[in-house]
N, C-alpha and C. Protein backbone atom coordinates (compact mmCIF):
# COMPACT_ATOMS: atom_id res chain seq x y z
N MET A 1 20.85 -13.24 -60.18
CA MET A 1 19.85 -13.45 -61.20
C MET A 1 20.08 -14.82 -61.81
N ASP A 2 19.02 -15.50 -62.22
CA ASP A 2 19.04 -16.81 -62.81
C ASP A 2 19.74 -16.76 -64.17
N GLU A 3 20.41 -17.86 -64.56
CA GLU A 3 21.13 -17.89 -65.83
C GLU A 3 20.16 -17.74 -67.00
N ASN A 4 18.99 -18.38 -66.90
CA ASN A 4 18.00 -18.28 -67.96
C ASN A 4 17.52 -16.85 -68.13
N THR A 5 17.31 -16.17 -67.03
CA THR A 5 16.86 -14.78 -67.09
C THR A 5 17.93 -13.90 -67.71
N THR A 6 19.19 -14.16 -67.37
CA THR A 6 20.30 -13.39 -67.94
C THR A 6 20.36 -13.60 -69.45
N ASN A 7 20.22 -14.85 -69.89
CA ASN A 7 20.24 -15.13 -71.33
C ASN A 7 19.10 -14.41 -72.04
N VAL A 8 17.92 -14.44 -71.45
CA VAL A 8 16.77 -13.78 -72.05
C VAL A 8 17.04 -12.28 -72.14
N ALA A 9 17.61 -11.70 -71.09
CA ALA A 9 17.89 -10.26 -71.09
C ALA A 9 18.90 -9.91 -72.18
N GLN A 10 19.88 -10.76 -72.42
CA GLN A 10 20.86 -10.49 -73.47
C GLN A 10 20.22 -10.61 -74.85
N GLU A 11 19.33 -11.57 -74.99
CA GLU A 11 18.68 -11.78 -76.28
C GLU A 11 17.72 -10.64 -76.62
N THR A 12 17.18 -9.96 -75.63
CA THR A 12 16.18 -8.93 -75.89
C THR A 12 16.75 -7.75 -76.65
N SER A 13 18.02 -7.50 -76.50
CA SER A 13 18.59 -6.36 -77.22
C SER A 13 18.73 -6.64 -78.72
N GLU A 14 18.65 -7.92 -79.12
CA GLU A 14 18.88 -8.26 -80.52
C GLU A 14 17.62 -8.72 -81.26
N VAL A 15 16.50 -8.94 -80.57
CA VAL A 15 15.32 -9.49 -81.23
C VAL A 15 14.12 -8.59 -81.04
N SER A 16 13.05 -8.85 -81.82
CA SER A 16 11.84 -8.04 -81.75
C SER A 16 10.94 -8.52 -80.61
N LYS A 17 9.86 -7.77 -80.34
CA LYS A 17 8.97 -8.08 -79.22
C LYS A 17 8.32 -9.46 -79.34
N PRO A 18 7.77 -9.85 -80.49
CA PRO A 18 7.18 -11.20 -80.55
C PRO A 18 8.22 -12.29 -80.28
N GLU A 19 9.43 -12.08 -80.77
CA GLU A 19 10.47 -13.08 -80.54
C GLU A 19 10.84 -13.12 -79.05
N ILE A 20 10.81 -11.96 -78.41
CA ILE A 20 11.12 -11.90 -76.98
C ILE A 20 10.10 -12.70 -76.19
N LYS A 21 8.83 -12.48 -76.51
CA LYS A 21 7.77 -13.18 -75.81
C LYS A 21 7.93 -14.69 -75.96
N ALA A 22 8.22 -15.15 -77.16
CA ALA A 22 8.40 -16.58 -77.40
C ALA A 22 9.62 -17.11 -76.64
N ALA A 23 10.69 -16.32 -76.62
CA ALA A 23 11.90 -16.76 -75.92
C ALA A 23 11.66 -16.86 -74.42
N VAL A 24 10.95 -15.91 -73.85
CA VAL A 24 10.67 -15.93 -72.42
C VAL A 24 9.81 -17.13 -72.08
N GLU A 25 8.81 -17.40 -72.89
CA GLU A 25 7.93 -18.52 -72.63
C GLU A 25 8.68 -19.84 -72.69
N THR A 26 9.56 -20.00 -73.68
CA THR A 26 10.30 -21.26 -73.79
C THR A 26 11.31 -21.38 -72.66
N LYS A 27 11.92 -20.29 -72.26
CA LYS A 27 12.91 -20.35 -71.17
C LYS A 27 12.22 -20.68 -69.85
N THR A 28 11.09 -20.09 -69.60
CA THR A 28 10.41 -20.34 -68.33
C THR A 28 9.73 -21.70 -68.34
N ASP A 29 9.34 -22.22 -69.52
CA ASP A 29 8.70 -23.52 -69.58
C ASP A 29 9.70 -24.65 -69.36
N ASN A 30 10.94 -24.46 -69.76
CA ASN A 30 11.95 -25.50 -69.63
C ASN A 30 12.35 -25.75 -68.18
N LYS A 31 12.36 -24.71 -67.35
CA LYS A 31 12.82 -24.87 -65.97
C LYS A 31 11.70 -24.45 -65.03
N PRO A 32 11.20 -25.38 -64.25
CA PRO A 32 10.15 -25.02 -63.30
C PRO A 32 10.73 -24.16 -62.17
N THR A 33 9.92 -23.26 -61.66
CA THR A 33 10.38 -22.40 -60.58
C THR A 33 10.38 -23.18 -59.27
N THR A 34 11.30 -22.83 -58.39
CA THR A 34 11.39 -23.51 -57.10
C THR A 34 10.55 -22.75 -56.08
N THR A 35 9.99 -23.49 -55.18
CA THR A 35 9.16 -22.86 -54.14
C THR A 35 10.05 -22.51 -52.95
N VAL A 36 9.48 -21.76 -52.06
CA VAL A 36 10.21 -21.35 -50.85
C VAL A 36 10.57 -22.57 -50.02
N GLU A 37 9.65 -23.54 -49.95
CA GLU A 37 9.92 -24.74 -49.17
C GLU A 37 11.11 -25.50 -49.76
N GLU A 38 11.18 -25.58 -51.09
CA GLU A 38 12.29 -26.28 -51.73
C GLU A 38 13.60 -25.54 -51.46
N GLN A 39 13.56 -24.21 -51.50
CA GLN A 39 14.76 -23.43 -51.24
C GLN A 39 15.19 -23.60 -49.78
N MET A 40 14.23 -23.63 -48.86
CA MET A 40 14.55 -23.84 -47.45
C MET A 40 15.17 -25.21 -47.24
N GLN A 41 14.60 -26.20 -47.93
CA GLN A 41 15.13 -27.55 -47.81
C GLN A 41 16.57 -27.61 -48.34
N GLN A 42 16.82 -26.93 -49.46
CA GLN A 42 18.18 -26.90 -50.00
C GLN A 42 19.13 -26.22 -49.03
N LEU A 43 18.70 -25.14 -48.41
CA LEU A 43 19.54 -24.45 -47.44
C LEU A 43 19.81 -25.33 -46.22
N MET A 44 18.79 -26.08 -45.79
CA MET A 44 18.99 -26.97 -44.65
C MET A 44 19.99 -28.07 -44.98
N VAL A 45 19.93 -28.59 -46.21
CA VAL A 45 20.87 -29.63 -46.64
C VAL A 45 22.29 -29.05 -46.67
N GLU A 46 22.44 -27.84 -47.22
CA GLU A 46 23.76 -27.20 -47.26
C GLU A 46 24.27 -26.94 -45.85
N ASN A 47 23.38 -26.51 -44.97
CA ASN A 47 23.76 -26.25 -43.59
C ASN A 47 24.24 -27.53 -42.91
N ALA A 48 23.55 -28.63 -43.15
CA ALA A 48 23.94 -29.91 -42.56
C ALA A 48 25.32 -30.33 -43.09
N LYS A 49 25.57 -30.13 -44.39
CA LYS A 49 26.88 -30.46 -44.97
C LYS A 49 27.98 -29.63 -44.32
N LEU A 50 27.72 -28.35 -44.15
CA LEU A 50 28.72 -27.48 -43.53
C LEU A 50 28.96 -27.87 -42.08
N LYS A 51 27.92 -28.26 -41.37
CA LYS A 51 28.07 -28.67 -39.97
C LYS A 51 28.91 -29.95 -39.89
N ARG A 52 28.63 -30.90 -40.80
CA ARG A 52 29.44 -32.13 -40.81
C ARG A 52 30.90 -31.81 -41.10
N ALA A 53 31.14 -30.92 -42.05
CA ALA A 53 32.52 -30.55 -42.39
C ALA A 53 33.20 -29.88 -41.19
N MET A 54 32.47 -29.02 -40.49
CA MET A 54 33.02 -28.34 -39.32
C MET A 54 33.34 -29.34 -38.22
N ASP A 55 32.42 -30.29 -37.99
CA ASP A 55 32.65 -31.32 -36.97
C ASP A 55 33.87 -32.18 -37.33
N LYS A 56 33.99 -32.52 -38.60
CA LYS A 56 35.12 -33.33 -39.05
C LYS A 56 36.42 -32.57 -38.84
N ALA A 57 36.42 -31.27 -39.19
CA ALA A 57 37.63 -30.46 -39.01
C ALA A 57 37.99 -30.33 -37.54
N SER A 58 36.99 -30.19 -36.70
CA SER A 58 37.25 -30.08 -35.25
C SER A 58 37.83 -31.37 -34.70
N SER A 59 37.26 -32.49 -35.12
CA SER A 59 37.77 -33.77 -34.61
C SER A 59 39.18 -34.04 -35.14
N GLU A 60 39.44 -33.68 -36.38
CA GLU A 60 40.80 -33.83 -36.91
C GLU A 60 41.78 -32.96 -36.16
N ALA A 61 41.39 -31.74 -35.84
CA ALA A 61 42.26 -30.85 -35.08
C ALA A 61 42.53 -31.42 -33.70
N ALA A 62 41.51 -31.99 -33.07
CA ALA A 62 41.70 -32.60 -31.76
C ALA A 62 42.63 -33.81 -31.85
N ASP A 63 42.47 -34.61 -32.92
CA ASP A 63 43.35 -35.77 -33.12
C ASP A 63 44.80 -35.33 -33.29
N TYR A 64 45.01 -34.30 -34.11
CA TYR A 64 46.38 -33.81 -34.32
C TYR A 64 46.97 -33.25 -33.03
N LYS A 65 46.15 -32.61 -32.22
CA LYS A 65 46.63 -32.08 -30.95
C LYS A 65 47.03 -33.23 -30.02
N LYS A 66 46.22 -34.29 -30.01
CA LYS A 66 46.55 -35.46 -29.18
C LYS A 66 47.86 -36.09 -29.65
N LYS A 67 47.99 -36.24 -30.98
CA LYS A 67 49.23 -36.82 -31.52
C LYS A 67 50.43 -35.95 -31.19
N TYR A 68 50.25 -34.63 -31.30
CA TYR A 68 51.35 -33.71 -31.01
C TYR A 68 51.72 -33.79 -29.53
N ASN A 69 50.70 -33.81 -28.67
CA ASN A 69 50.95 -33.89 -27.23
C ASN A 69 51.63 -35.22 -26.86
N ALA A 70 51.31 -36.28 -27.59
CA ALA A 70 51.93 -37.57 -27.32
C ALA A 70 53.41 -37.56 -27.68
N THR A 71 53.81 -36.75 -28.63
CA THR A 71 55.21 -36.68 -29.03
C THR A 71 56.04 -35.81 -28.09
N LEU A 72 55.37 -35.00 -27.29
CA LEU A 72 56.08 -34.11 -26.37
C LEU A 72 56.55 -34.86 -25.13
N SER A 73 57.61 -34.35 -24.54
CA SER A 73 58.08 -34.95 -23.30
C SER A 73 57.17 -34.49 -22.16
N GLU A 74 57.33 -35.11 -21.00
CA GLU A 74 56.49 -34.74 -19.87
C GLU A 74 56.73 -33.29 -19.46
N LYS A 75 57.98 -32.86 -19.53
CA LYS A 75 58.30 -31.49 -19.17
C LYS A 75 57.64 -30.50 -20.13
N GLU A 76 57.70 -30.80 -21.41
CA GLU A 76 57.07 -29.93 -22.41
C GLU A 76 55.56 -29.89 -22.21
N GLN A 77 54.95 -31.04 -21.91
CA GLN A 77 53.50 -31.09 -21.66
C GLN A 77 53.14 -30.28 -20.43
N ALA A 78 53.95 -30.37 -19.39
CA ALA A 78 53.70 -29.61 -18.17
C ALA A 78 53.83 -28.11 -18.45
N ASP A 79 54.84 -27.75 -19.23
CA ASP A 79 55.02 -26.34 -19.59
C ASP A 79 53.84 -25.82 -20.42
N MET A 80 53.37 -26.67 -21.34
CA MET A 80 52.23 -26.28 -22.17
C MET A 80 50.97 -26.11 -21.31
N ALA A 81 50.76 -27.01 -20.37
CA ALA A 81 49.59 -26.92 -19.48
C ALA A 81 49.68 -25.66 -18.62
N LYS A 82 50.90 -25.35 -18.12
CA LYS A 82 51.09 -24.12 -17.34
C LYS A 82 50.79 -22.89 -18.18
N ALA A 83 51.26 -22.91 -19.42
CA ALA A 83 51.03 -21.76 -20.31
C ALA A 83 49.54 -21.57 -20.58
N GLU A 84 48.81 -22.67 -20.79
CA GLU A 84 47.36 -22.59 -21.01
C GLU A 84 46.65 -22.06 -19.78
N GLU A 85 47.05 -22.54 -18.60
CA GLU A 85 46.43 -22.05 -17.37
C GLU A 85 46.74 -20.58 -17.14
N GLN A 86 47.98 -20.19 -17.43
CA GLN A 86 48.36 -18.79 -17.28
C GLN A 86 47.57 -17.91 -18.25
N ALA A 87 47.34 -18.38 -19.46
CA ALA A 87 46.55 -17.63 -20.43
C ALA A 87 45.12 -17.47 -19.94
N LYS A 88 44.56 -18.54 -19.36
CA LYS A 88 43.19 -18.46 -18.80
C LYS A 88 43.14 -17.47 -17.65
N ARG A 89 44.16 -17.51 -16.77
CA ARG A 89 44.19 -16.56 -15.64
C ARG A 89 44.31 -15.12 -16.13
N ASP A 90 45.18 -14.92 -17.13
CA ASP A 90 45.34 -13.57 -17.67
C ASP A 90 44.04 -13.07 -18.29
N GLU A 91 43.35 -13.94 -19.01
CA GLU A 91 42.08 -13.57 -19.63
C GLU A 91 41.04 -13.23 -18.56
N ARG A 92 40.97 -14.05 -17.51
CA ARG A 92 40.03 -13.79 -16.42
C ARG A 92 40.38 -12.50 -15.68
N LEU A 93 41.68 -12.25 -15.47
CA LEU A 93 42.12 -11.02 -14.81
C LEU A 93 41.73 -9.80 -15.63
N ALA A 94 41.93 -9.88 -16.95
CA ALA A 94 41.56 -8.76 -17.82
C ALA A 94 40.06 -8.51 -17.77
N GLU A 95 39.28 -9.59 -17.73
CA GLU A 95 37.82 -9.47 -17.66
C GLU A 95 37.40 -8.81 -16.33
N LEU A 96 38.03 -9.23 -15.22
CA LEU A 96 37.71 -8.65 -13.92
C LEU A 96 38.13 -7.18 -13.83
N GLU A 97 39.28 -6.85 -14.40
CA GLU A 97 39.73 -5.45 -14.41
C GLU A 97 38.76 -4.59 -15.22
N ARG A 98 38.28 -5.12 -16.33
CA ARG A 98 37.31 -4.39 -17.15
C ARG A 98 36.02 -4.15 -16.36
N GLU A 99 35.51 -5.21 -15.71
CA GLU A 99 34.29 -5.07 -14.91
C GLU A 99 34.48 -4.08 -13.77
N ASN A 100 35.65 -4.11 -13.14
CA ASN A 100 35.94 -3.17 -12.05
C ASN A 100 35.97 -1.73 -12.56
N SER A 101 36.60 -1.53 -13.70
CA SER A 101 36.65 -0.19 -14.29
C SER A 101 35.25 0.30 -14.64
N ILE A 102 34.45 -0.57 -15.22
CA ILE A 102 33.08 -0.19 -15.57
C ILE A 102 32.31 0.18 -14.31
N HIS A 103 32.50 -0.59 -13.25
CA HIS A 103 31.80 -0.30 -11.99
C HIS A 103 32.22 1.06 -11.44
N LYS A 104 33.52 1.34 -11.43
CA LYS A 104 34.01 2.63 -10.92
C LYS A 104 33.47 3.79 -11.74
N PHE A 105 33.53 3.65 -13.06
CA PHE A 105 33.04 4.73 -13.92
C PHE A 105 31.53 4.89 -13.78
N THR A 106 30.83 3.78 -13.60
CA THR A 106 29.37 3.85 -13.41
C THR A 106 29.04 4.67 -12.17
N GLU A 107 29.76 4.41 -11.10
CA GLU A 107 29.55 5.18 -9.87
C GLU A 107 29.80 6.67 -10.11
N SER A 108 30.84 6.98 -10.86
CA SER A 108 31.14 8.38 -11.16
C SER A 108 30.04 9.02 -11.98
N TYR A 109 29.54 8.30 -12.96
CA TYR A 109 28.46 8.85 -13.80
C TYR A 109 27.16 9.01 -13.00
N LEU A 110 26.91 8.09 -12.07
CA LEU A 110 25.73 8.22 -11.22
C LEU A 110 25.85 9.47 -10.34
N ASP A 111 27.06 9.75 -9.86
CA ASP A 111 27.29 10.96 -9.07
C ASP A 111 27.06 12.22 -9.90
N LEU A 112 27.28 12.13 -11.21
CA LEU A 112 27.07 13.28 -12.09
C LEU A 112 25.60 13.49 -12.44
N GLY A 113 24.74 12.56 -12.01
CA GLY A 113 23.31 12.72 -12.25
C GLY A 113 22.77 11.87 -13.38
N TYR A 114 23.56 10.95 -13.90
CA TYR A 114 23.08 10.05 -14.94
C TYR A 114 22.12 9.04 -14.32
N ASP A 115 21.14 8.58 -15.11
CA ASP A 115 20.32 7.48 -14.64
C ASP A 115 21.16 6.20 -14.75
N LYS A 116 20.73 5.14 -14.09
CA LYS A 116 21.56 3.93 -13.99
C LYS A 116 21.90 3.34 -15.36
N GLU A 117 20.90 3.25 -16.22
CA GLU A 117 21.12 2.67 -17.55
C GLU A 117 22.13 3.48 -18.36
N SER A 118 21.97 4.80 -18.35
CA SER A 118 22.89 5.66 -19.10
C SER A 118 24.28 5.64 -18.48
N ALA A 119 24.36 5.54 -17.15
CA ALA A 119 25.65 5.50 -16.47
C ALA A 119 26.42 4.24 -16.86
N ILE A 120 25.73 3.11 -16.91
CA ILE A 120 26.39 1.86 -17.29
C ILE A 120 26.83 1.92 -18.75
N ALA A 121 25.97 2.45 -19.62
CA ALA A 121 26.32 2.55 -21.04
C ALA A 121 27.52 3.48 -21.23
N ALA A 122 27.54 4.60 -20.53
CA ALA A 122 28.65 5.55 -20.65
C ALA A 122 29.95 4.95 -20.12
N ALA A 123 29.86 4.24 -18.98
CA ALA A 123 31.05 3.61 -18.41
C ALA A 123 31.60 2.54 -19.33
N THR A 124 30.72 1.75 -19.91
CA THR A 124 31.15 0.71 -20.83
C THR A 124 31.80 1.34 -22.07
N ALA A 125 31.21 2.39 -22.58
CA ALA A 125 31.78 3.08 -23.74
C ALA A 125 33.15 3.65 -23.40
N GLN A 126 33.30 4.18 -22.19
CA GLN A 126 34.59 4.76 -21.80
C GLN A 126 35.65 3.67 -21.69
N VAL A 127 35.31 2.54 -21.08
CA VAL A 127 36.27 1.45 -20.94
C VAL A 127 36.65 0.87 -22.30
N ASP A 128 35.67 0.81 -23.20
CA ASP A 128 35.91 0.25 -24.54
C ASP A 128 36.50 1.28 -25.50
N ASN A 129 36.76 2.49 -25.03
CA ASN A 129 37.28 3.59 -25.85
C ASN A 129 36.37 3.90 -27.03
N ASP A 130 35.07 3.81 -26.81
CA ASP A 130 34.07 4.14 -27.83
C ASP A 130 33.64 5.59 -27.61
N VAL A 131 34.44 6.49 -28.13
CA VAL A 131 34.26 7.92 -27.88
C VAL A 131 32.96 8.43 -28.48
N ASP A 132 32.60 7.96 -29.64
CA ASP A 132 31.36 8.42 -30.29
C ASP A 132 30.14 8.14 -29.41
N THR A 133 30.04 6.92 -28.92
CA THR A 133 28.91 6.56 -28.06
C THR A 133 28.93 7.37 -26.77
N LEU A 134 30.10 7.56 -26.22
CA LEU A 134 30.23 8.33 -24.98
C LEU A 134 29.75 9.76 -25.17
N PHE A 135 30.16 10.39 -26.27
CA PHE A 135 29.73 11.76 -26.52
C PHE A 135 28.24 11.85 -26.81
N LYS A 136 27.69 10.86 -27.51
CA LYS A 136 26.24 10.84 -27.76
C LYS A 136 25.47 10.75 -26.44
N LEU A 137 25.93 9.88 -25.55
CA LEU A 137 25.27 9.75 -24.25
C LEU A 137 25.38 11.04 -23.44
N GLN A 138 26.56 11.66 -23.47
CA GLN A 138 26.74 12.90 -22.73
C GLN A 138 25.84 14.00 -23.29
N LYS A 139 25.75 14.08 -24.60
CA LYS A 139 24.87 15.08 -25.21
C LYS A 139 23.42 14.83 -24.82
N LYS A 140 23.00 13.58 -24.84
CA LYS A 140 21.63 13.23 -24.46
C LYS A 140 21.35 13.65 -23.02
N ILE A 141 22.26 13.34 -22.12
CA ILE A 141 22.08 13.68 -20.71
C ILE A 141 22.07 15.19 -20.52
N LEU A 142 22.98 15.89 -21.17
CA LEU A 142 23.00 17.35 -21.05
C LEU A 142 21.72 17.97 -21.60
N ASP A 143 21.25 17.47 -22.74
CA ASP A 143 20.00 17.99 -23.30
C ASP A 143 18.83 17.75 -22.35
N GLU A 144 18.78 16.57 -21.73
CA GLU A 144 17.71 16.28 -20.77
C GLU A 144 17.78 17.21 -19.57
N LYS A 145 19.00 17.46 -19.07
CA LYS A 145 19.16 18.35 -17.92
C LYS A 145 18.76 19.78 -18.28
N ILE A 146 19.16 20.24 -19.46
CA ILE A 146 18.81 21.59 -19.89
C ILE A 146 17.29 21.72 -20.02
N GLN A 147 16.68 20.72 -20.63
CA GLN A 147 15.22 20.75 -20.80
C GLN A 147 14.51 20.75 -19.45
N ALA A 148 15.00 19.96 -18.51
CA ALA A 148 14.40 19.93 -17.18
C ALA A 148 14.55 21.28 -16.48
N LYS A 149 15.71 21.89 -16.61
CA LYS A 149 15.93 23.21 -16.00
C LYS A 149 15.02 24.26 -16.63
N GLU A 150 14.87 24.20 -17.95
CA GLU A 150 13.98 25.15 -18.63
C GLU A 150 12.54 24.99 -18.15
N GLN A 151 12.09 23.76 -18.03
CA GLN A 151 10.73 23.51 -17.56
C GLN A 151 10.56 23.98 -16.12
N GLU A 152 11.58 23.77 -15.31
CA GLU A 152 11.53 24.23 -13.92
C GLU A 152 11.47 25.75 -13.87
N LEU A 153 12.25 26.40 -14.73
CA LEU A 153 12.27 27.86 -14.78
C LEU A 153 10.92 28.40 -15.25
N ILE A 154 10.35 27.77 -16.26
CA ILE A 154 9.05 28.21 -16.78
C ILE A 154 7.98 28.07 -15.69
N LYS A 155 8.04 26.98 -14.94
CA LYS A 155 7.05 26.79 -13.87
C LYS A 155 7.23 27.80 -12.74
N SER A 156 8.47 28.22 -12.51
CA SER A 156 8.72 29.14 -11.40
C SER A 156 8.42 30.60 -11.75
N ILE A 157 8.27 30.92 -13.04
CA ILE A 157 7.96 32.29 -13.43
C ILE A 157 6.50 32.57 -13.08
N PRO A 158 6.25 33.60 -12.29
CA PRO A 158 4.86 33.89 -11.93
C PRO A 158 4.10 34.41 -13.15
N ARG A 159 2.87 33.96 -13.27
CA ARG A 159 2.04 34.41 -14.40
C ARG A 159 1.43 35.76 -14.05
N ALA A 160 1.32 36.57 -15.05
CA ALA A 160 0.70 37.89 -14.86
C ALA A 160 -0.80 37.70 -14.65
N LYS A 161 -1.32 38.30 -13.62
CA LYS A 161 -2.75 38.18 -13.29
C LYS A 161 -3.45 39.46 -13.74
N THR A 162 -3.70 39.58 -15.03
CA THR A 162 -4.29 40.81 -15.55
C THR A 162 -5.65 40.62 -16.18
N GLY A 163 -6.07 39.40 -16.40
CA GLY A 163 -7.33 39.17 -17.10
C GLY A 163 -8.53 39.24 -16.19
N VAL A 164 -9.67 39.11 -16.78
CA VAL A 164 -10.94 39.15 -16.07
C VAL A 164 -11.04 37.96 -15.11
N TYR A 165 -10.49 36.82 -15.52
CA TYR A 165 -10.64 35.59 -14.75
C TYR A 165 -9.40 35.29 -13.91
N SER A 166 -8.50 36.22 -13.77
CA SER A 166 -7.22 35.94 -13.15
C SER A 166 -7.28 35.60 -11.67
N SER A 167 -8.28 36.01 -10.96
CA SER A 167 -8.33 35.77 -9.52
C SER A 167 -9.32 34.66 -9.15
N MET A 168 -9.71 33.86 -10.10
CA MET A 168 -10.70 32.82 -9.84
C MET A 168 -10.03 31.53 -9.39
N THR A 169 -10.78 30.74 -8.67
CA THR A 169 -10.32 29.41 -8.27
C THR A 169 -10.75 28.40 -9.32
N ARG A 170 -10.23 27.19 -9.19
CA ARG A 170 -10.57 26.13 -10.15
C ARG A 170 -12.06 25.84 -10.12
N GLU A 171 -12.63 25.78 -8.97
CA GLU A 171 -14.05 25.49 -8.84
C GLU A 171 -14.90 26.58 -9.48
N GLN A 172 -14.49 27.83 -9.30
CA GLN A 172 -15.23 28.95 -9.89
C GLN A 172 -15.17 28.88 -11.42
N ILE A 173 -14.00 28.53 -11.93
CA ILE A 173 -13.85 28.43 -13.39
C ILE A 173 -14.72 27.31 -13.94
N MET A 174 -14.74 26.16 -13.26
CA MET A 174 -15.53 25.03 -13.74
C MET A 174 -17.03 25.31 -13.62
N ALA A 175 -17.39 26.27 -12.80
CA ALA A 175 -18.81 26.62 -12.64
C ALA A 175 -19.32 27.52 -13.76
N ILE A 176 -18.43 28.07 -14.57
CA ILE A 176 -18.84 28.93 -15.69
C ILE A 176 -19.59 28.07 -16.70
N THR A 177 -20.79 28.48 -17.08
CA THR A 177 -21.62 27.67 -17.98
C THR A 177 -21.28 27.88 -19.44
N ASP A 178 -20.88 29.07 -19.83
CA ASP A 178 -20.52 29.34 -21.23
C ASP A 178 -19.18 28.68 -21.54
N ARG A 179 -19.19 27.83 -22.53
CA ARG A 179 -18.01 27.04 -22.88
C ARG A 179 -16.82 27.91 -23.27
N GLU A 180 -17.02 28.91 -24.10
CA GLU A 180 -15.94 29.79 -24.54
C GLU A 180 -15.38 30.61 -23.38
N GLU A 181 -16.23 31.08 -22.52
CA GLU A 181 -15.78 31.85 -21.36
C GLU A 181 -14.97 30.95 -20.42
N ARG A 182 -15.41 29.69 -20.25
CA ARG A 182 -14.67 28.75 -19.41
C ARG A 182 -13.29 28.49 -19.99
N ARG A 183 -13.18 28.34 -21.32
CA ARG A 183 -11.88 28.13 -21.97
C ARG A 183 -10.95 29.32 -21.74
N LYS A 184 -11.48 30.53 -21.83
CA LYS A 184 -10.67 31.72 -21.59
C LYS A 184 -10.18 31.74 -20.14
N ALA A 185 -11.06 31.39 -19.22
CA ALA A 185 -10.69 31.37 -17.81
C ALA A 185 -9.63 30.31 -17.53
N ILE A 186 -9.76 29.16 -18.17
CA ILE A 186 -8.75 28.09 -18.01
C ILE A 186 -7.42 28.55 -18.57
N ALA A 187 -7.43 29.21 -19.75
CA ALA A 187 -6.19 29.68 -20.35
C ALA A 187 -5.48 30.70 -19.45
N GLU A 188 -6.25 31.55 -18.78
CA GLU A 188 -5.64 32.55 -17.90
C GLU A 188 -5.13 31.93 -16.60
N ASN A 189 -5.66 30.81 -16.22
CA ASN A 189 -5.28 30.15 -14.96
C ASN A 189 -4.82 28.72 -15.20
N ILE A 190 -4.02 28.53 -16.22
CA ILE A 190 -3.60 27.18 -16.63
C ILE A 190 -2.86 26.44 -15.51
N GLU A 191 -2.17 27.15 -14.63
CA GLU A 191 -1.44 26.50 -13.55
C GLU A 191 -2.36 25.77 -12.58
N LEU A 192 -3.62 26.15 -12.53
CA LEU A 192 -4.60 25.45 -11.68
C LEU A 192 -4.97 24.08 -12.25
N PHE A 193 -4.74 23.89 -13.55
CA PHE A 193 -5.18 22.67 -14.22
C PHE A 193 -4.03 21.76 -14.64
N SER A 194 -2.80 22.11 -14.34
CA SER A 194 -1.67 21.24 -14.73
C SER A 194 -1.14 20.43 -13.59
C-alpha cells in the first residue's frame, strides 16, 4: 500500500468525515498517480540495472578464476581440468542412466496396458521417486480400465425382448409415423441405434 494511503487510513480513526474527505483530496492532489506504462518503464529500468549487475558479477568471477588458474602450477591445472571433465562425464552418465531407467519402466507400463503418455509419466514419476504422482496415474488407469470393463459388460448383457416393439428392425421403427410410438420403439431397441 502507498505511504500516503497508509497515512490517510491512520488519520481516519481520529478525525470526522468532512476532515477525512479533505485529507484524502489533499493527499491525492499532492502526488499524481502513475500509469501502467510508467510502472512498466520503471520495471524495465530496474531489470536493466539487475542485468548489468549480474553481468559485472559474472565477469568478475571469470577474472578471479583466470587469476586463480594463473597462480596454479601446470600439474594443479591439469588435475583441475581432469576433475571438471570427470564431473561432466559423471553428470552425463547419471543423465543417461535416468533416461535408460525411464525407458525400461515405460516399456513395463506399456505392457501393463498404459497408454504411451501415461506410461512415460508413470515411469518418470517412478525414477524421480514421486510417489504421489505415480499413485494418481495408477488410480486414473485403474479407473479407466474398470469403466471400460463395466461398459463392455453392459453391452454384453442381452436386453429383455418383452415389449410390443421388441422384435422390430431399425427400418421398421423409423417407419412408425407417430412420434411418441417411435420413441418407445427406439427405447426398447436402443442397441440398434448406438
